[in-house]
Amino acid sequence: MKLVDSNILIYAARPDGERLRSWIPWDDVAVSVVTRIEVLGYHRLSDEERMALEALFDVLDVLPVTTEVAARAIELRRARRMSLGDSIIAATALVEDVSLVTHNVSDFEGIPDLRLEDPVANA
């Protein structure tokens, strides 16, 4: 399984996101509940993009913020300057022991044991 970050879903929802949509292994993908909040709350989404993303979240595995994820996010925020959302997303990937797929690699670099993939940069 791969944990997909908010920016990847937003890029994939764009009309020019076909290559990214075809790269994502949809049958083996999950997202953090934080990603759902970030994506659907993104102020630049068109109505068409929002509807497509809502339909996508209906079929994706949306992972909750568990006590273990919260504890790991607290550790990450204490150890480095991270936004709350990024710390929860990184903690979710670590707790679930999965790769985090993101284009914002610099936000997560240096976190021990966190595996990162950037399909946008590798295009």
PDB file of N, CA and C in Angstrom:
ATOM      1  N   MET A   1       0.845  -1.183   0.000  1.00  0.00           N
ATOM      2  CA  MET A   1       0.000   0.000   0.000  1.00  0.00           C
ATOM      3  C   MET A   1       0.889   1.246   0.000  1.00  0.00           C
ATOM      4  N   LYS A   2       0.377   2.308  -0.600  1.00  0.00           N
ATOM      5  CA  LYS A   2       1.049   3.599  -0.607  1.00  0.00           C
ATOM      6  C   LYS A   2       0.091   4.630  -0.002  1.00  0.00           C
ATOM      7  N   LEU A   3       0.649   5.568   0.749  1.00  0.00           N
ATOM      8  CA  LEU A   3      -0.126   6.666   1.302  1.00  0.00           C
ATOM      9  C   LEU A   3       0.087   7.865   0.391  1.00  0.00           C
ATOM     10  N   VAL A   4      -0.979   8.392  -0.175  1.00  0.00           N
ATOM     11  CA  VAL A   4      -0.880   9.482  -1.151  1.00  0.00           C
ATOM     12  C   VAL A   4      -1.164  10.811  -0.462  1.00  0.00           C
ATOM     13  N   ASP A   5      -0.261  11.765  -0.665  1.00  0.00           N
ATOM     14  CA  ASP A   5      -0.361  13.091  -0.078  1.00  0.00           C
ATOM     15  C   ASP A   5      -1.348  13.954  -0.873  1.00  0.00           C
ATOM     16  N   SER A   6      -1.780  15.005  -0.242  1.00  0.00           N
ATOM     17  CA  SER A   6      -2.793  15.907  -0.804  1.00  0.00           C
ATOM     18  C   SER A   6      -2.401  16.453  -2.169  1.00  0.00           C
ATOM     19  N   ASN A   7      -1.155  16.904  -2.322  1.00  0.00           N
ATOM     20  CA  ASN A   7      -0.758  17.542  -3.581  1.00  0.00           C
ATOM     21  C   ASN A   7      -0.850  16.582  -4.753  1.00  0.00           C
ATOM     22  N   ILE A   8      -0.601  15.319  -4.542  1.00  0.00           N
ATOM     23  CA  ILE A   8      -0.681  14.346  -5.631  1.00  0.00           C
ATOM     24  C   ILE A   8      -2.124  14.201  -6.099  1.00  0.00           C
ATOM     25  N   LEU A   9      -3.069  14.142  -5.184  1.00  0.00           N
ATOM     26  CA  LEU A   9      -4.473  14.028  -5.576  1.00  0.00           C
ATOM     27  C   LEU A   9      -4.949  15.285  -6.302  1.00  0.00           C
ATOM     28  N   ILE A  10      -4.499  16.442  -5.835  1.00  0.00           N
ATOM     29  CA  ILE A  10      -4.895  17.694  -6.493  1.00  0.00           C
ATOM     30  C   ILE A  10      -4.330  17.749  -7.912  1.00  0.00           C
ATOM     31  N   TYR A  11      -3.055  17.388  -8.084  1.00  0.00           N
ATOM     32  CA  TYR A  11      -2.463  17.358  -9.425  1.00  0.00           C
ATOM     33  C   TYR A  11      -3.174  16.339 -10.313  1.00  0.00           C
ATOM     34  N   ALA A  12      -3.499  15.191  -9.764  1.00  0.00           N
ATOM     35  CA  ALA A  12      -4.158  14.139 -10.545  1.00  0.00           C
ATOM     36  C   ALA A  12      -5.559  14.549 -10.978  1.00  0.00           C
ATOM     37  N   ALA A  13      -6.212  15.406 -10.203  1.00  0.00           N
ATOM     38  CA  ALA A  13      -7.576  15.833 -10.530  1.00  0.00           C
ATOM     39  C   ALA A  13      -7.623  16.881 -11.642  1.00  0.00           C
ATOM     40  N   ARG A  14      -6.494  17.485 -11.927  1.00  0.00           N
ATOM     41  CA  ARG A  14      -6.463  18.506 -12.973  1.00  0.00           C
ATOM     42  C   ARG A  14      -6.652  17.864 -14.346  1.00  0.00           C
ATOM     43  N   PRO A  15      -7.171  18.632 -15.293  1.00  0.00           N
ATOM     44  CA  PRO A  15      -7.359  18.083 -16.640  1.00  0.00           C
ATOM     45  C   PRO A  15      -6.071  17.532 -17.261  1.00  0.00           C
ATOM     46  N   ASP A  16      -4.923  18.129 -16.919  1.00  0.00           N
ATOM     47  CA  ASP A  16      -3.654  17.654 -17.475  1.00  0.00           C
ATOM     48  C   ASP A  16      -2.989  16.585 -16.593  1.00  0.00           C
ATOM     49  N   GLY A  17      -3.740  15.994 -15.672  1.00  0.00           N
ATOM     50  CA  GLY A  17      -3.176  15.026 -14.744  1.00  0.00           C
ATOM     51  C   GLY A  17      -3.294  13.572 -15.155  1.00  0.00           C
ATOM     52  N   GLU A  18      -3.545  13.320 -16.426  1.00  0.00           N
ATOM     53  CA  GLU A  18      -3.757  11.940 -16.897  1.00  0.00           C
ATOM     54  C   GLU A  18      -2.567  11.031 -16.606  1.00  0.00           C
ATOM     55  N   ARG A  19      -1.341  11.513 -16.861  1.00  0.00           N
ATOM     56  CA  ARG A  19      -0.166  10.681 -16.620  1.00  0.00           C
ATOM     57  C   ARG A  19      -0.072  10.289 -15.147  1.00  0.00           C
ATOM     58  N   LEU A  20      -0.333  11.240 -14.271  1.00  0.00           N
ATOM     59  CA  LEU A  20      -0.280  10.963 -12.842  1.00  0.00           C
ATOM     60  C   LEU A  20      -1.402  10.013 -12.429  1.00  0.00           C
ATOM     61  N   ARG A  21      -2.592  10.220 -12.972  1.00  0.00           N
ATOM     62  CA  ARG A  21      -3.710   9.308 -12.663  1.00  0.00           C
ATOM     63  C   ARG A  21      -3.383   7.878 -13.076  1.00  0.00           C
ATOM     64  N   SER A  22      -2.689   7.725 -14.191  1.00  0.00           N
ATOM     65  CA  SER A  22      -2.360   6.375 -14.644  1.00  0.00           C
ATOM     66  C   SER A  22      -1.209   5.776 -13.837  1.00  0.00           C
ATOM     67  N   TRP A  23      -0.372   6.595 -13.218  1.00  0.00           N
ATOM     68  CA  TRP A  23       0.733   6.097 -12.399  1.00  0.00           C
ATOM     69  C   TRP A  23       0.254   5.574 -11.051  1.00  0.00           C
ATOM     70  N   ILE A  24      -0.740   6.217 -10.465  1.00  0.00           N
ATOM     71  CA  ILE A  24      -1.179   5.868  -9.106  1.00  0.00           C
ATOM     72  C   ILE A  24      -1.779   4.464  -9.094  1.00  0.00           C
ATOM     73  N   PRO A  25      -1.269   3.590  -8.213  1.00  0.00           N
ATOM     74  CA  PRO A  25      -1.816   2.232  -8.113  1.00  0.00           C
ATOM     75  C   PRO A  25      -3.117   2.237  -7.301  1.00  0.00           C
ATOM     76  N   TRP A  26      -4.212   2.623  -7.924  1.00  0.00           N
ATOM     77  CA  TRP A  26      -5.475   2.898  -7.242  1.00  0.00           C
ATOM     78  C   TRP A  26      -5.972   1.748  -6.370  1.00  0.00           C
ATOM     79  N   ASP A  27      -5.625   0.521  -6.718  1.00  0.00           N
ATOM     80  CA  ASP A  27      -6.097  -0.615  -5.926  1.00  0.00           C
ATOM     81  C   ASP A  27      -5.249  -0.836  -4.676  1.00  0.00           C
ATOM     82  N   ASP A  28      -4.204  -0.042  -4.489  1.00  0.00           N
ATOM     83  CA  ASP A  28      -3.319  -0.223  -3.355  1.00  0.00           C
ATOM     84  C   ASP A  28      -2.934   1.134  -2.747  1.00  0.00           C
ATOM     85  N   VAL A  29      -3.925   2.016  -2.594  1.00  0.00           N
ATOM     86  CA  VAL A  29      -3.688   3.378  -2.140  1.00  0.00           C
ATOM     87  C   VAL A  29      -4.574   3.694  -0.945  1.00  0.00           C
ATOM     88  N   ALA A  30      -4.002   4.451  -0.030  1.00  0.00           N
ATOM     89  CA  ALA A  30      -4.764   4.988   1.090  1.00  0.00           C
ATOM     90  C   ALA A  30      -4.396   6.461   1.240  1.00  0.00           C
ATOM     91  N   VAL A  31      -5.209   7.166   1.989  1.00  0.00           N
ATOM     92  CA  VAL A  31      -4.933   8.560   2.321  1.00  0.00           C
ATOM     93  C   VAL A  31      -5.227   8.769   3.798  1.00  0.00           C
ATOM     94  N   SER A  32      -4.587   9.762   4.361  1.00  0.00           N
ATOM     95  CA  SER A  32      -4.899  10.169   5.721  1.00  0.00           C
ATOM     96  C   SER A  32      -6.189  10.981   5.705  1.00  0.00           C
ATOM     97  N   VAL A  33      -6.921  10.956   6.790  1.00  0.00           N
ATOM     98  CA  VAL A  33      -8.105  11.813   6.893  1.00  0.00           C
ATOM     99  C   VAL A  33      -7.699  13.282   6.742  1.00  0.00           C
ATOM    100  N   VAL A  34      -6.468  13.613   7.119  1.00  0.00           N
ATOM    101  CA  VAL A  34      -5.966  14.981   6.943  1.00  0.00           C
ATOM    102  C   VAL A  34      -5.903  15.340   5.461  1.00  0.00           C
ATOM    103  N   THR A  35      -5.512  14.387   4.636  1.00  0.00           N
ATOM    104  CA  THR A  35      -5.469  14.616   3.191  1.00  0.00           C
ATOM    105  C   THR A  35      -6.864  14.915   2.672  1.00  0.00           C
ATOM    106  N   ARG A  36      -7.838  14.188   3.143  1.00  0.00           N
ATOM    107  CA  ARG A  36      -9.224  14.445   2.728  1.00  0.00           C
ATOM    108  C   ARG A  36      -9.621  15.883   3.074  1.00  0.00           C
ATOM    109  N   ILE A  37      -9.295  16.302   4.281  1.00  0.00           N
ATOM    110  CA  ILE A  37      -9.625  17.662   4.729  1.00  0.00           C
ATOM    111  C   ILE A  37      -8.884  18.692   3.883  1.00  0.00           C
ATOM    112  N   GLU A  38      -7.579  18.483   3.674  1.00  0.00           N
ATOM    113  CA  GLU A  38      -6.786  19.439   2.894  1.00  0.00           C
ATOM    114  C   GLU A  38      -7.278  19.538   1.456  1.00  0.00           C
ATOM    115  N   VAL A  39      -7.521  18.404   0.839  1.00  0.00           N
ATOM    116  CA  VAL A  39      -7.895  18.403  -0.576  1.00  0.00           C
ATOM    117  C   VAL A  39      -9.268  19.028  -0.784  1.00  0.00           C
ATOM    118  N   LEU A  40     -10.257  18.577  -0.042  1.00  0.00           N
ATOM    119  CA  LEU A  40     -11.605  19.103  -0.251  1.00  0.00           C
ATOM    120  C   LEU A  40     -11.748  20.541   0.246  1.00  0.00           C
ATOM    121  N   GLY A  41     -10.825  20.970   1.106  1.00  0.00           N
ATOM    122  CA  GLY A  41     -10.825  22.346   1.576  1.00  0.00           C
ATOM    123  C   GLY A  41      -9.978  23.282   0.740  1.00  0.00           C
ATOM    124  N   TYR A  42      -9.311  22.746  -0.292  1.00  0.00           N
ATOM    125  CA  TYR A  42      -8.444  23.558  -1.145  1.00  0.00           C
ATOM    126  C   TYR A  42      -9.276  24.597  -1.882  1.00  0.00           C
ATOM    127  N   HIS A  43      -8.957  25.867  -1.712  1.00  0.00           N
ATOM    128  CA  HIS A  43      -9.783  26.964  -2.219  1.00  0.00           C
ATOM    129  C   HIS A  43      -9.778  27.115  -3.742  1.00  0.00           C
ATOM    130  N   ARG A  44      -8.840  26.509  -4.429  1.00  0.00           N
ATOM    131  CA  ARG A  44      -8.779  26.668  -5.887  1.00  0.00           C
ATOM    132  C   ARG A  44      -9.425  25.518  -6.657  1.00  0.00           C
ATOM    133  N   LEU A  45     -10.099  24.611  -5.976  1.00  0.00           N
ATOM    134  CA  LEU A  45     -10.765  23.514  -6.682  1.00  0.00           C
ATOM    135  C   LEU A  45     -11.974  24.026  -7.448  1.00  0.00           C
ATOM    136  N   SER A  46     -12.087  23.593  -8.676  1.00  0.00           N
ATOM    137  CA  SER A  46     -13.307  23.891  -9.433  1.00  0.00           C
ATOM    138  C   SER A  46     -14.398  22.953  -8.926  1.00  0.00           C
ATOM    139  N   ASP A  47     -15.632  23.243  -9.250  1.00  0.00           N
ATOM    140  CA  ASP A  47     -16.726  22.363  -8.853  1.00  0.00           C
ATOM    141  C   ASP A  47     -16.546  20.973  -9.445  1.00  0.00           C
ATOM    142  N   GLU A  48     -16.070  20.915 -10.677  1.00  0.00           N
ATOM    143  CA  GLU A  48     -15.850  19.629 -11.342  1.00  0.00           C
ATOM    144  C   GLU A  48     -14.759  18.821 -10.632  1.00  0.00           C
ATOM    145  N   GLU A  49     -13.657  19.493 -10.273  1.00  0.00           N
ATOM    146  CA  GLU A  49     -12.578  18.813  -9.549  1.00  0.00           C
ATOM    147  C   GLU A  49     -13.060  18.340  -8.176  1.00  0.00           C
ATOM    148  N   ARG A  50     -13.808  19.192  -7.477  1.00  0.00           N
ATOM    149  CA  ARG A  50     -14.317  18.833  -6.154  1.00  0.00           C
ATOM    150  C   ARG A  50     -15.206  17.606  -6.224  1.00  0.00           C
ATOM    151  N   MET A  51     -16.101  17.563  -7.188  1.00  0.00           N
ATOM    152  CA  MET A  51     -17.005  16.416  -7.327  1.00  0.00           C
ATOM    153  C   MET A  51     -16.215  15.142  -7.649  1.00  0.00           C
ATOM    154  N   ALA A  52     -15.223  15.253  -8.511  1.00  0.00           N
ATOM    155  CA  ALA A  52     -14.399  14.089  -8.847  1.00  0.00           C
ATOM    156  C   ALA A  52     -13.626  13.610  -7.626  1.00  0.00           C
ATOM    157  N   LEU A  53     -13.104  14.537  -6.849  1.00  0.00           N
ATOM    158  CA  LEU A  53     -12.350  14.162  -5.663  1.00  0.00           C
ATOM    159  C   LEU A  53     -13.250  13.577  -4.580  1.00  0.00           C
ATOM    160  N   GLU A  54     -14.436  14.106  -4.418  1.00  0.00           N
ATOM    161  CA  GLU A  54     -15.372  13.525  -3.448  1.00  0.00           C
ATOM    162  C   GLU A  54     -15.702  12.085  -3.823  1.00  0.00           C
ATOM    163  N   ALA A  55     -15.902  11.839  -5.100  1.00  0.00           N
ATOM    164  CA  ALA A  55     -16.167  10.474  -5.564  1.00  0.00           C
ATOM    165  C   ALA A  55     -14.961   9.578  -5.302  1.00  0.00           C
ATOM    166  N   LEU A  56     -13.765  10.116  -5.490  1.00  0.00           N
ATOM    167  CA  LEU A  56     -12.547   9.355  -5.244  1.00  0.00           C
ATOM    168  C   LEU A  56     -12.430   8.985  -3.763  1.00  0.00           C
ATOM    169  N   PHE A  57     -12.682   9.940  -2.882  1.00  0.00           N
ATOM    170  CA  PHE A  57     -12.591   9.652  -1.451  1.00  0.00           C
ATOM    171  C   PHE A  57     -13.627   8.617  -1.009  1.00  0.00           C
ATOM    172  N   ASP A  58     -14.721   8.516  -1.745  1.00  0.00           N
ATOM    173  CA  ASP A  58     -15.730   7.502  -1.420  1.00  0.00           C
ATOM    174  C   ASP A  58     -15.210   6.086  -1.632  1.00  0.00           C
ATOM    175  N   VAL A  59     -14.198   5.918  -2.497  1.00  0.00           N
ATOM    176  CA  VAL A  59     -13.677   4.572  -2.778  1.00  0.00           C
ATOM    177  C   VAL A  59     -12.279   4.328  -2.211  1.00  0.00           C
ATOM    178  N   LEU A  60     -11.588   5.376  -1.785  1.00  0.00           N
ATOM    179  CA  LEU A  60     -10.258   5.206  -1.201  1.00  0.00           C
ATOM    180  C   LEU A  60     -10.364   4.815   0.269  1.00  0.00           C
ATOM    181  N   ASP A  61      -9.326   4.157   0.741  1.00  0.00           N
ATOM    182  CA  ASP A  61      -9.210   3.845   2.155  1.00  0.00           C
ATOM    183  C   ASP A  61      -8.713   5.111   2.844  1.00  0.00           C
ATOM    184  N   VAL A  62      -9.554   5.730   3.680  1.00  0.00           N
ATOM    185  CA  VAL A  62      -9.192   6.946   4.397  1.00  0.00           C
ATOM    186  C   VAL A  62      -8.826   6.546   5.823  1.00  0.00           C
ATOM    187  N   LEU A  63      -7.547   6.735   6.167  1.00  0.00           N
ATOM    188  CA  LEU A  63      -7.036   6.285   7.458  1.00  0.00           C
ATOM    189  C   LEU A  63      -7.246   7.351   8.533  1.00  0.00           C
ATOM    190  N   PRO A  64      -7.739   6.955   9.699  1.00  0.00           N
ATOM    191  CA  PRO A  64      -8.005   7.915  10.773  1.00  0.00           C
ATOM    192  C   PRO A  64      -6.739   8.297  11.532  1.00  0.00           C
ATOM    193  N   VAL A  65      -6.864   9.318  12.359  1.00  0.00           N
ATOM    194  CA  VAL A  65      -5.796   9.690  13.273  1.00  0.00           C
ATOM    195  C   VAL A  65      -6.011   8.869  14.544  1.00  0.00           C
ATOM    196  N   THR A  66      -5.243   7.810  14.666  1.00  0.00           N
ATOM    197  CA  THR A  66      -5.327   6.947  15.839  1.00  0.00           C
ATOM    198  C   THR A  66      -4.458   7.520  16.963  1.00  0.00           C
ATOM    199  N   THR A  67      -4.554   6.935  18.125  1.00  0.00           N
ATOM    200  CA  THR A  67      -3.712   7.353  19.241  1.00  0.00           C
ATOM    201  C   THR A  67      -2.241   7.168  18.900  1.00  0.00           C
ATOM    202  N   GLU A  68      -1.910   6.079  18.214  1.00  0.00           N
ATOM    203  CA  GLU A  68      -0.525   5.820  17.819  1.00  0.00           C
ATOM    204  C   GLU A  68      -0.037   6.846  16.795  1.00  0.00           C
ATOM    205  N   VAL A  69      -0.885   7.187  15.835  1.00  0.00           N
ATOM    206  CA  VAL A  69      -0.518   8.210  14.844  1.00  0.00           C
ATOM    207  C   VAL A  69      -0.327   9.560  15.532  1.00  0.00           C
ATOM    208  N   ALA A  70      -1.216   9.902  16.452  1.00  0.00           N
ATOM    209  CA  ALA A  70      -1.096  11.177  17.170  1.00  0.00           C
ATOM    210  C   ALA A  70       0.206  11.245  17.966  1.00  0.00           C
ATOM    211  N   ALA A  71       0.557  10.151  18.634  1.00  0.00           N
ATOM    212  CA  ALA A  71       1.794  10.133  19.414  1.00  0.00           C
ATOM    213  C   ALA A  71       3.012  10.310  18.510  1.00  0.00           C
ATOM    214  N   ARG A  72       3.013   9.654  17.369  1.00  0.00           N
ATOM    215  CA  ARG A  72       4.136   9.774  16.431  1.00  0.00           C
ATOM    216  C   ARG A  72       4.185  11.189  15.855  1.00  0.00           C
ATOM    217  N   ALA A  73       3.030  11.781  15.566  1.00  0.00           N
ATOM    218  CA  ALA A  73       2.993  13.157  15.052  1.00  0.00           C
ATOM    219  C   ALA A  73       3.546  14.135  16.084  1.00  0.00           C
ATOM    220  N   ILE A  74       3.242  13.909  17.334  1.00  0.00           N
ATOM    221  CA  ILE A  74       3.787  14.761  18.400  1.00  0.00           C
ATOM    222  C   ILE A  74       5.306  14.656  18.419  1.00  0.00           C
ATOM    223  N   GLU A  75       5.832  13.442  18.314  1.00  0.00           N
ATOM    224  CA  GLU A  75       7.287  13.253  18.275  1.00  0.00           C
ATOM    225  C   GLU A  75       7.901  14.010  17.099  1.00  0.00           C
ATOM    226  N   LEU A  76       7.271  13.914  15.938  1.00  0.00           N
ATOM    227  CA  LEU A  76       7.798  14.591  14.751  1.00  0.00           C
ATOM    228  C   LEU A  76       7.798  16.107  14.928  1.00  0.00           C
ATOM    229  N   ARG A  77       6.730  16.640  15.488  1.00  0.00           N
ATOM    230  CA  ARG A  77       6.650  18.092  15.672  1.00  0.00           C
ATOM    231  C   ARG A  77       7.655  18.576  16.703  1.00  0.00           C
ATOM    232  N   ARG A  78       7.943  17.764  17.694  1.00  0.00           N
ATOM    233  CA  ARG A  78       8.949  18.140  18.694  1.00  0.00           C
ATOM    234  C   ARG A  78      10.353  18.089  18.114  1.00  0.00           C
ATOM    235  N   ALA A  79      10.582  17.156  17.216  1.00  0.00           N
ATOM    236  CA  ALA A  79      11.922  16.948  16.658  1.00  0.00           C
ATOM    237  C   ALA A  79      12.273  17.913  15.535  1.00  0.00           C
ATOM    238  N   ARG A  80      11.268  18.427  14.836  1.00  0.00           N
ATOM    239  CA  ARG A  80      11.536  19.282  13.681  1.00  0.00           C
ATOM    240  C   ARG A  80      10.365  20.220  13.444  1.00  0.00           C
ATOM    241  N   ARG A  81      10.600  21.257  12.683  1.00  0.00           N
ATOM    242  CA  ARG A  81       9.529  22.208  12.369  1.00  0.00           C
ATOM    243  C   ARG A  81       8.672  21.611  11.261  1.00  0.00           C
ATOM    244  N   MET A  82       7.471  21.226  11.608  1.00  0.00           N
ATOM    245  CA  MET A  82       6.534  20.637  10.642  1.00  0.00           C
ATOM    246  C   MET A  82       5.153  21.194  10.912  1.00  0.00           C
ATOM    247  N   SER A  83       4.387  21.324   9.854  1.00  0.00           N
ATOM    248  CA  SER A  83       2.990  21.707  10.048  1.00  0.00           C
ATOM    249  C   SER A  83       2.255  20.545  10.710  1.00  0.00           C
ATOM    250  N   LEU A  84       1.154  20.842  11.318  1.00  0.00           N
ATOM    251  CA  LEU A  84       0.343  19.802  11.957  1.00  0.00           C
ATOM    252  C   LEU A  84      -0.085  18.761  10.935  1.00  0.00           C
ATOM    253  N   GLY A  85      -0.576  19.224   9.775  1.00  0.00           N
ATOM    254  CA  GLY A  85      -1.033  18.301   8.743  1.00  0.00           C
ATOM    255  C   GLY A  85       0.073  17.390   8.251  1.00  0.00           C
ATOM    256  N   ASP A  86       1.238  17.957   7.954  1.00  0.00           N
ATOM    257  CA  ASP A  86       2.355  17.147   7.469  1.00  0.00           C
ATOM    258  C   ASP A  86       2.815  16.156   8.525  1.00  0.00           C
ATOM    259  N   SER A  87       2.817  16.562   9.782  1.00  0.00           N
ATOM    260  CA  SER A  87       3.260  15.643  10.831  1.00  0.00           C
ATOM    261  C   SER A  87       2.293  14.463  10.964  1.00  0.00           C
ATOM    262  N   ILE A  88       1.009  14.704  10.817  1.00  0.00           N
ATOM    263  CA  ILE A  88       0.027  13.616  10.905  1.00  0.00           C
ATOM    264  C   ILE A  88       0.141  12.699   9.693  1.00  0.00           C
ATOM    265  N   ILE A  89       0.315  13.266   8.516  1.00  0.00           N
ATOM    266  CA  ILE A  89       0.453  12.448   7.305  1.00  0.00           C
ATOM    267  C   ILE A  89       1.718  11.599   7.384  1.00  0.00           C
ATOM    268  N   ALA A  90       2.842  12.198   7.779  1.00  0.00           N
ATOM    269  CA  ALA A  90       4.088  11.432   7.919  1.00  0.00           C
ATOM    270  C   ALA A  90       3.933  10.356   8.992  1.00  0.00           C
ATOM    271  N   ALA A  91       3.322  10.697  10.098  1.00  0.00           N
ATOM    272  CA  ALA A  91       3.122   9.725  11.171  1.00  0.00           C
ATOM    273  C   ALA A  91       2.248   8.567  10.706  1.00  0.00           C
ATOM    274  N   THR A  92       1.245   8.855   9.915  1.00  0.00           N
ATOM    275  CA  THR A  92       0.375   7.801   9.385  1.00  0.00           C
ATOM    276  C   THR A  92       1.177   6.842   8.519  1.00  0.00           C
ATOM    277  N   ALA A  93       2.031   7.384   7.644  1.00  0.00           N
ATOM    278  CA  ALA A  93       2.864   6.530   6.795  1.00  0.00           C
ATOM    279  C   ALA A  93       3.807   5.676   7.639  1.00  0.00           C
ATOM    280  N   LEU A  94       4.373   6.259   8.679  1.00  0.00           N
ATOM    281  CA  LEU A  94       5.296   5.512   9.531  1.00  0.00           C
ATOM    282  C   LEU A  94       4.575   4.410  10.307  1.00  0.00           C
ATOM    283  N   VAL A  95       3.441   4.735  10.885  1.00  0.00           N
ATOM    284  CA  VAL A  95       2.689   3.746  11.666  1.00  0.00           C
ATOM    285  C   VAL A  95       2.205   2.615  10.778  1.00  0.00           C
ATOM    286  N   GLU A  96       1.744   2.941   9.574  1.00  0.00           N
ATOM    287  CA  GLU A  96       1.252   1.925   8.646  1.00  0.00           C
ATOM    288  C   GLU A  96       2.385   1.216   7.907  1.00  0.00           C
ATOM    289  N   ASP A  97       3.620   1.735   8.035  1.00  0.00           N
ATOM    290  CA  ASP A  97       4.804   1.190   7.374  1.00  0.00           C
ATOM    291  C   ASP A  97       4.628   1.125   5.859  1.00  0.00           C
ATOM    292  N   VAL A  98       4.259   2.286   5.295  1.00  0.00           N
ATOM    293  CA  VAL A  98       4.054   2.402   3.849  1.00  0.00           C
ATOM    294  C   VAL A  98       4.825   3.606   3.320  1.00  0.00           C
ATOM    295  N   SER A  99       5.024   3.630   2.009  1.00  0.00           N
ATOM    296  CA  SER A  99       5.652   4.776   1.354  1.00  0.00           C
ATOM    297  C   SER A  99       4.671   5.940   1.298  1.00  0.00           C
ATOM    298  N   LEU A 100       5.208   7.147   1.420  1.00  0.00           N
ATOM    299  CA  LEU A 100       4.419   8.357   1.255  1.00  0.00           C
ATOM    300  C   LEU A 100       4.688   8.905  -0.138  1.00  0.00           C
ATOM    301  N   VAL A 101       3.649   9.049  -0.931  1.00  0.00           N
ATOM    302  CA  VAL A 101       3.751   9.577  -2.289  1.00  0.00           C
ATOM    303  C   VAL A 101       3.395  11.059  -2.230  1.00  0.00           C
ATOM    304  N   THR A 102       4.391  11.905  -2.545  1.00  0.00           N
ATOM    305  CA  THR A 102       4.216  13.343  -2.446  1.00  0.00           C
ATOM    306  C   THR A 102       5.129  14.057  -3.430  1.00  0.00           C
ATOM    307  N   HIS A 103       4.734  15.243  -3.839  1.00  0.00           N
ATOM    308  CA  HIS A 103       5.625  16.091  -4.625  1.00  0.00           C
ATOM    309  C   HIS A 103       6.386  17.047  -3.703  1.00  0.00           C
ATOM    310  N   ASN A 104       5.920  17.181  -2.473  1.00  0.00           N
ATOM    311  CA  ASN A 104       6.561  18.056  -1.496  1.00  0.00           C
ATOM    312  C   ASN A 104       7.577  17.276  -0.659  1.00  0.00           C
ATOM    313  N   VAL A 105       8.513  16.663  -1.331  1.00  0.00           N
ATOM    314  CA  VAL A 105       9.501  15.802  -0.671  1.00  0.00           C
ATOM    315  C   VAL A 105      10.274  16.570   0.394  1.00  0.00           C
ATOM    316  N   SER A 106      10.603  17.822   0.121  1.00  0.00           N
ATOM    317  CA  SER A 106      11.414  18.603   1.070  1.00  0.00           C
ATOM    318  C   SER A 106      10.711  18.772   2.419  1.00  0.00           C
ATOM    319  N   ASP A 107       9.385  18.709   2.439  1.00  0.00           N
ATOM    320  CA  ASP A 107       8.648  18.822   3.704  1.00  0.00           C
ATOM    321  C   ASP A 107       8.871  17.613   4.607  1.00  0.00           C
ATOM    322  N   PHE A 108       9.309  16.493   4.017  1.00  0.00           N
ATOM    323  CA  PHE A 108       9.393  15.239   4.760  1.00  0.00           C
ATOM    324  C   PHE A 108      10.800  14.643   4.805  1.00  0.00           C
ATOM    325  N   GLU A 109      11.737  15.236   4.094  1.00  0.00           N
ATOM    326  CA  GLU A 109      13.098  14.686   4.049  1.00  0.00           C
ATOM    327  C   GLU A 109      13.722  14.678   5.439  1.00  0.00           C
ATOM    328  N   GLY A 110      14.503  13.643   5.684  1.00  0.00           N
ATOM    329  CA  GLY A 110      15.222  13.555   6.947  1.00  0.00           C
ATOM    330  C   GLY A 110      14.455  12.881   8.063  1.00  0.00           C
ATOM    331  N   ILE A 111      13.253  12.435   7.797  1.00  0.00           N
ATOM    332  CA  ILE A 111      12.492  11.714   8.819  1.00  0.00           C
ATOM    333  C   ILE A 111      12.934  10.252   8.760  1.00  0.00           C
ATOM    334  N   PRO A 112      13.534   9.770   9.832  1.00  0.00           N
ATOM    335  CA  PRO A 112      14.026   8.387   9.826  1.00  0.00           C
ATOM    336  C   PRO A 112      12.916   7.381   9.499  1.00  0.00           C
ATOM    337  N   ASP A 113      13.249   6.445   8.650  1.00  0.00           N
ATOM    338  CA  ASP A 113      12.377   5.325   8.264  1.00  0.00           C
ATOM    339  C   ASP A 113      11.198   5.713   7.367  1.00  0.00           C
ATOM    340  N   LEU A 114      11.057   6.989   7.019  1.00  0.00           N
ATOM    341  CA  LEU A 114       9.960   7.393   6.133  1.00  0.00           C
ATOM    342  C   LEU A 114      10.421   7.238   4.687  1.00  0.00           C
ATOM    343  N   ARG A 115       9.710   6.403   3.932  1.00  0.00           N
ATOM    344  CA  ARG A 115      10.013   6.185   2.514  1.00  0.00           C
ATOM    345  C   ARG A 115       9.180   7.153   1.687  1.00  0.00           C
ATOM    346  N   LEU A 116       9.854   7.869   0.780  1.00  0.00           N
ATOM    347  CA  LEU A 116       9.189   8.881  -0.046  1.00  0.00           C
ATOM    348  C   LEU A 116       9.261   8.513  -1.517  1.00  0.00           C
ATOM    349  N   GLU A 117       8.204   8.840  -2.236  1.00  0.00           N
ATOM    350  CA  GLU A 117       8.155   8.691  -3.694  1.00  0.00           C
ATOM    351  C   GLU A 117       7.591   9.975  -4.271  1.00  0.00           C
ATOM    352  N   ASP A 118       8.189  10.458  -5.351  1.00  0.00           N
ATOM    353  CA  ASP A 118       7.709  11.658  -6.028  1.00  0.00           C
ATOM    354  C   ASP A 118       7.480  11.345  -7.508  1.00  0.00           C
ATOM    355  N   PRO A 119       6.257  10.954  -7.882  1.00  0.00           N
ATOM    356  CA  PRO A 119       5.993  10.634  -9.276  1.00  0.00           C
ATOM    357  C   PRO A 119       5.985  11.846 -10.196  1.00  0.00           C
ATOM    358  N   VAL A 120       5.843  13.041  -9.651  1.00  0.00           N
ATOM    359  CA  VAL A 120       5.841  14.242 -10.471  1.00  0.00           C
ATOM    360  C   VAL A 120       7.263  14.566 -10.911  1.00  0.00           C
ATOM    361  N   ALA A 121       8.210  14.487 -10.012  1.00  0.00           N
ATOM    362  CA  ALA A 121       9.609  14.786 -10.338  1.00  0.00           C
ATOM    363  C   ALA A 121      10.219  13.709 -11.232  1.00  0.00           C
ATOM    364  N   ASN A 122       9.687  12.514 -11.151  1.00  0.00           N
ATOM    365  CA  ASN A 122      10.229  11.401 -11.927  1.00  0.00           C
ATOM    366  C   ASN A 122       9.554  11.260 -13.282  1.00  0.00           C
ATOM    367  N   ALA A 123       8.846  12.282 -13.706  1.00  0.00           N
ATOM    368  CA  ALA A 123       8.126  12.217 -14.987  1.00  0.00           C
ATOM    369  C   ALA A 123       9.069  12.313 -16.158  1.00  0.00           C
TER     370      ALA A 123
END
